[in-house]
Amino acid sequence: MRIGIDIEEVNRFLKYSHNKNYYKFLNRIFTKKEISYSFTKKRVAQHLAARFAAKEAIWKMLNTKNIQLNITDIAIHNEKNGKPKVFIKNKFNNNINLSLSHTKKYVVAVAIML
């Protein structure tokens, strides 16, 4: 079993939103689908931060196996019921379970691979 965890401040994603390079920043980290999904939500920064925390938790978990992986190789999408799904290099990975939680100020992600 492997585990990864990450916590992020939502404000980190709010403060960038007024920067002229904001979309360039988002495109370096997220897929277009992740960005589109987040921008459909009332609290955009919260959803971006949650996806970033998820990517970091997964990267930490997989990095222990000496796998070469970039942040952009990991994508988080949702099932219709809202459950997050993990994609590694555009392939669904059902071996990784992901849990996301957030408040107005913080988001946390836990990734577990059995």
C-alpha atoms as a PDB file:
ATOM      1  CA  MET A   1       0.000   0.000   0.000  1.00  0.00           C
ATOM      2  CA  ARG A   2       1.195   3.516  -0.818  1.00  0.00           C
ATOM      3  CA  ILE A   3      -0.180   6.834   0.415  1.00  0.00           C
ATOM      4  CA  GLY A   4       0.270  10.496  -0.487  1.00  0.00           C
ATOM      5  CA  ILE A   5      -1.217  13.588   1.119  1.00  0.00           C
ATOM      6  CA  ASP A   6      -1.168  17.306   0.378  1.00  0.00           C
ATOM      7  CA  ILE A   7      -2.763  20.438   1.806  1.00  0.00           C
ATOM      8  CA  GLU A   8      -3.046  23.766  -0.011  1.00  0.00           C
ATOM      9  CA  GLU A   9      -4.287  27.239   0.811  1.00  0.00           C
ATOM     10  CA  VAL A  10      -7.152  28.384  -1.415  1.00  0.00           C
ATOM     11  CA  ASN A  11      -5.777  31.955  -1.297  1.00  0.00           C
ATOM     12  CA  ARG A  12      -2.754  30.784  -3.276  1.00  0.00           C
ATOM     13  CA  PHE A  13      -5.062  30.327  -6.271  1.00  0.00           C
ATOM     14  CA  LEU A  14      -7.075  33.474  -5.565  1.00  0.00           C
ATOM     15  CA  LYS A  15      -4.051  35.751  -5.518  1.00  0.00           C
ATOM     16  CA  TYR A  16      -2.967  34.631  -8.992  1.00  0.00           C
ATOM     17  CA  SER A  17      -6.392  35.363 -10.499  1.00  0.00           C
ATOM     18  CA  HIS A  18      -5.587  39.080 -10.817  1.00  0.00           C
ATOM     19  CA  ASN A  19      -2.268  38.446 -12.535  1.00  0.00           C
ATOM     20  CA  LYS A  20      -2.093  38.943 -16.308  1.00  0.00           C
ATOM     21  CA  ASN A  21      -0.315  35.568 -16.617  1.00  0.00           C
ATOM     22  CA  TYR A  22      -3.037  33.699 -14.717  1.00  0.00           C
ATOM     23  CA  TYR A  23      -4.172  31.532 -17.636  1.00  0.00           C
ATOM     24  CA  LYS A  24      -0.593  30.758 -18.592  1.00  0.00           C
ATOM     25  CA  PHE A  25      -0.050  29.624 -14.989  1.00  0.00           C
ATOM     26  CA  LEU A  26      -3.203  27.448 -15.059  1.00  0.00           C
ATOM     27  CA  ASN A  27      -2.266  25.841 -18.374  1.00  0.00           C
ATOM     28  CA  ARG A  28       1.144  24.814 -16.998  1.00  0.00           C
ATOM     29  CA  ILE A  29      -0.530  22.841 -14.202  1.00  0.00           C
ATOM     30  CA  PHE A  30      -4.005  21.744 -15.323  1.00  0.00           C
ATOM     31  CA  THR A  31      -5.637  20.125 -18.330  1.00  0.00           C
ATOM     32  CA  LYS A  32      -8.239  22.108 -20.261  1.00  0.00           C
ATOM     33  CA  LYS A  33     -10.908  19.789 -18.881  1.00  0.00           C
ATOM     34  CA  GLU A  34      -9.791  20.483 -15.283  1.00  0.00           C
ATOM     35  CA  ILE A  35      -9.828  24.236 -15.899  1.00  0.00           C
ATOM     36  CA  SER A  36     -13.254  24.105 -17.561  1.00  0.00           C
ATOM     37  CA  TYR A  37     -14.693  22.046 -14.718  1.00  0.00           C
ATOM     38  CA  SER A  38     -13.334  24.418 -12.051  1.00  0.00           C
ATOM     39  CA  PHE A  39     -14.682  27.497 -13.832  1.00  0.00           C
ATOM     40  CA  THR A  40     -18.210  26.046 -13.776  1.00  0.00           C
ATOM     41  CA  LYS A  41     -18.128  26.176  -9.976  1.00  0.00           C
ATOM     42  CA  LYS A  42     -19.031  29.105  -7.730  1.00  0.00           C
ATOM     43  CA  ARG A  43     -15.695  28.907  -5.871  1.00  0.00           C
ATOM     44  CA  VAL A  44     -13.235  28.451  -8.745  1.00  0.00           C
ATOM     45  CA  ALA A  45     -10.080  28.824  -6.642  1.00  0.00           C
ATOM     46  CA  GLN A  46     -11.256  26.172  -4.210  1.00  0.00           C
ATOM     47  CA  HIS A  47     -11.696  23.634  -7.007  1.00  0.00           C
ATOM     48  CA  LEU A  48      -8.380  24.507  -8.635  1.00  0.00           C
ATOM     49  CA  ALA A  49      -6.615  24.183  -5.290  1.00  0.00           C
ATOM     50  CA  ALA A  50      -8.260  20.797  -4.677  1.00  0.00           C
ATOM     51  CA  ARG A  51      -7.103  19.491  -8.048  1.00  0.00           C
ATOM     52  CA  PHE A  52      -3.596  20.780  -7.418  1.00  0.00           C
ATOM     53  CA  ALA A  53      -3.507  19.146  -3.970  1.00  0.00           C
ATOM     54  CA  ALA A  54      -4.699  15.881  -5.544  1.00  0.00           C
ATOM     55  CA  LYS A  55      -1.964  16.008  -8.159  1.00  0.00           C
ATOM     56  CA  GLU A  56       0.648  16.685  -5.479  1.00  0.00           C
ATOM     57  CA  ALA A  57      -0.622  13.827  -3.276  1.00  0.00           C
ATOM     58  CA  ILE A  58      -0.520  11.420  -6.224  1.00  0.00           C
ATOM     59  CA  TRP A  59       2.925  12.609  -7.287  1.00  0.00           C
ATOM     60  CA  LYS A  60       4.248  12.130  -3.731  1.00  0.00           C
ATOM     61  CA  MET A  61       2.736   8.660  -3.563  1.00  0.00           C
ATOM     62  CA  LEU A  62       4.098   7.543  -6.938  1.00  0.00           C
ATOM     63  CA  ASN A  63       7.465   9.249  -6.543  1.00  0.00           C
ATOM     64  CA  THR A  64       8.380   6.645  -3.921  1.00  0.00           C
ATOM     65  CA  LYS A  65       8.405   4.106  -6.775  1.00  0.00           C
ATOM     66  CA  ASN A  66      10.951   6.160  -8.796  1.00  0.00           C
ATOM     67  CA  ILE A  67       8.439   6.821 -11.560  1.00  0.00           C
ATOM     68  CA  GLN A  68       9.285   9.818 -13.746  1.00  0.00           C
ATOM     69  CA  LEU A  69       6.139  11.922 -13.614  1.00  0.00           C
ATOM     70  CA  ASN A  70       5.328  15.571 -14.210  1.00  0.00           C
ATOM     71  CA  ILE A  71       2.403  17.430 -12.648  1.00  0.00           C
ATOM     72  CA  THR A  72       0.837  17.682 -16.111  1.00  0.00           C
ATOM     73  CA  ASP A  73       0.909  13.870 -16.481  1.00  0.00           C
ATOM     74  CA  ILE A  74      -1.712  13.654 -13.720  1.00  0.00           C
ATOM     75  CA  ALA A  75      -5.322  14.692 -14.333  1.00  0.00           C
ATOM     76  CA  ILE A  76      -8.305  14.674 -11.988  1.00  0.00           C
ATOM     77  CA  HIS A  77     -11.790  14.342 -13.457  1.00  0.00           C
ATOM     78  CA  ASN A  78     -15.103  13.558 -11.817  1.00  0.00           C
ATOM     79  CA  GLU A  79     -17.679  10.859 -12.269  1.00  0.00           C
ATOM     80  CA  LYS A  80     -21.290  12.038 -12.604  1.00  0.00           C
ATOM     81  CA  ASN A  81     -21.784  11.458  -8.870  1.00  0.00           C
ATOM     82  CA  GLY A  82     -18.842  13.772  -8.108  1.00  0.00           C
ATOM     83  CA  LYS A  83     -16.311  11.102  -7.177  1.00  0.00           C
ATOM     84  CA  PRO A  84     -12.818  12.096  -8.379  1.00  0.00           C
ATOM     85  CA  LYS A  85     -11.111   9.829 -10.922  1.00  0.00           C
ATOM     86  CA  VAL A  86      -7.358   9.751 -11.519  1.00  0.00           C
ATOM     87  CA  PHE A  87      -5.778   9.717 -14.964  1.00  0.00           C
ATOM     88  CA  ILE A  88      -2.045   9.171 -15.415  1.00  0.00           C
ATOM     89  CA  LYS A  89      -0.730  10.114 -18.849  1.00  0.00           C
ATOM     90  CA  ASN A  90      -4.327  10.192 -20.182  1.00  0.00           C
ATOM     91  CA  LYS A  91      -5.202   6.695 -18.918  1.00  0.00           C
ATOM     92  CA  PHE A  92      -7.733   6.048 -16.158  1.00  0.00           C
ATOM     93  CA  ASN A  93      -6.057   4.516 -13.118  1.00  0.00           C
ATOM     94  CA  ASN A  94      -8.505   2.555 -10.997  1.00  0.00           C
ATOM     95  CA  ASN A  95      -5.730   1.434  -8.611  1.00  0.00           C
ATOM     96  CA  ILE A  96      -5.601   4.903  -7.027  1.00  0.00           C
ATOM     97  CA  ASN A  97      -8.290   6.003  -4.606  1.00  0.00           C
ATOM     98  CA  LEU A  98      -8.535   9.731  -4.035  1.00  0.00           C
ATOM     99  CA  SER A  99     -10.298  11.746  -1.368  1.00  0.00           C
ATOM    100  CA  LEU A 100     -10.637  15.548  -1.524  1.00  0.00           C
ATOM    101  CA  SER A 101     -11.954  17.863   1.143  1.00  0.00           C
ATOM    102  CA  HIS A 102     -12.065  21.633   1.497  1.00  0.00           C
ATOM    103  CA  THR A 103     -13.058  24.618   3.564  1.00  0.00           C
ATOM    104  CA  LYS A 104     -13.039  28.255   2.481  1.00  0.00           C
ATOM    105  CA  LYS A 105      -9.333  28.519   3.356  1.00  0.00           C
ATOM    106  CA  TYR A 106      -7.800  25.072   2.841  1.00  0.00           C
ATOM    107  CA  VAL A 107      -8.035  21.970   0.696  1.00  0.00           C
ATOM    108  CA  VAL A 108      -6.623  18.545   1.433  1.00  0.00           C
ATOM    109  CA  ALA A 109      -6.117  15.503  -0.764  1.00  0.00           C
ATOM    110  CA  VAL A 110      -5.275  11.940   0.157  1.00  0.00           C
ATOM    111  CA  ALA A 111      -4.269   9.385  -2.458  1.00  0.00           C
ATOM    112  CA  ILE A 112      -4.041   5.677  -1.689  1.00  0.00           C
ATOM    113  CA  MET A 113      -2.815   2.902  -3.951  1.00  0.00           C
ATOM    114  CA  LEU A 114      -3.429  -0.697  -2.903  1.00  0.00           C
END
